[in-house]
Amino acid sequence: LVRPGSGLADEPLDKIFGALPRNVDFSTSLDPDVSCDVLVEFSGPVAFDAALALAIERRVAFVSGTTGLRDSQFGALQTAANVIPVLWASNFSLGVAMLARAARRVAEALPDWDCEIVEMHHSRKQDAPSGTAIMLGQAVAEGHGVAFEQSARYARHGQIGSRPQGEIGFATLRGGDVVGEHTLIFATRGERLELTHRATDRDIFARGAVAAAIWIAGRDPGVYSFDQVLAPTQ
């Protein structure tokens, strides 16, 4: 397992890797002499391309949690899946994965209820809305049986008229050192249902990424999801 250093995640990952089974090794070195089965990268849209190219060159599995990617970069992931196994997720938290499942089921059961997604992160976060918020919105759209691109509403300002039926609204908050908070609001006349996940420690993302790396090692080329890691029999 090779993972380039990326600021805040370094120290927690070292602690977590130290508790792995003895047959699992890790390294943060990209030296050609260091062999690996999986490359894990949490960097940024600029560094993402080089990391993916390195995984393809070495023919190793690729696990990424980088958000804010362009459409062309998602396309590059699909192309890479022809030769290596790839797994991209906007969030590697087990709780968020369960939240997405719940969102899909609630949206399917309550198709006429309005849905809004509120997310908050630290003031240094570069992209908005968060990749996790978008993923949750996609889960809601899937539950509603509609196209996400046509349902998403990222901003409201001025005289915009009534809220269209089926719209999925997003509100983005930034401030302080908030690790990550996501709330799905399902609302109808007379009642409201809220589902919230709050991350208080970045270690949760590292643990999920490690689980994904162990799971994907040795698998055939293709595109895999974090949901498959949680339910490998599916």
Foldseek 3Di string as FASTA:
>chain_A
DEEADAPPVVVLLVVVQVPDPPVDDYYPDPPPVDDDQEYEYAHEQVCVVVSLVSCLVNLHEYEYQYPPHDPVVVVVLQVSLVRHEYEYDVFLFPVLVVVLVVLLQVLLVCVQWAKEKEKEAEQPDDDPPGRSSLSSLVSSCVSNVHDSVVQEDEDDDDCPDDDDTRHYYYHYYYHDHFHMKMKMWTDDPPDIDIDMDGDDDPSSRSVSSVLVNVVRGPDHRDYDYSVCSVVVVD
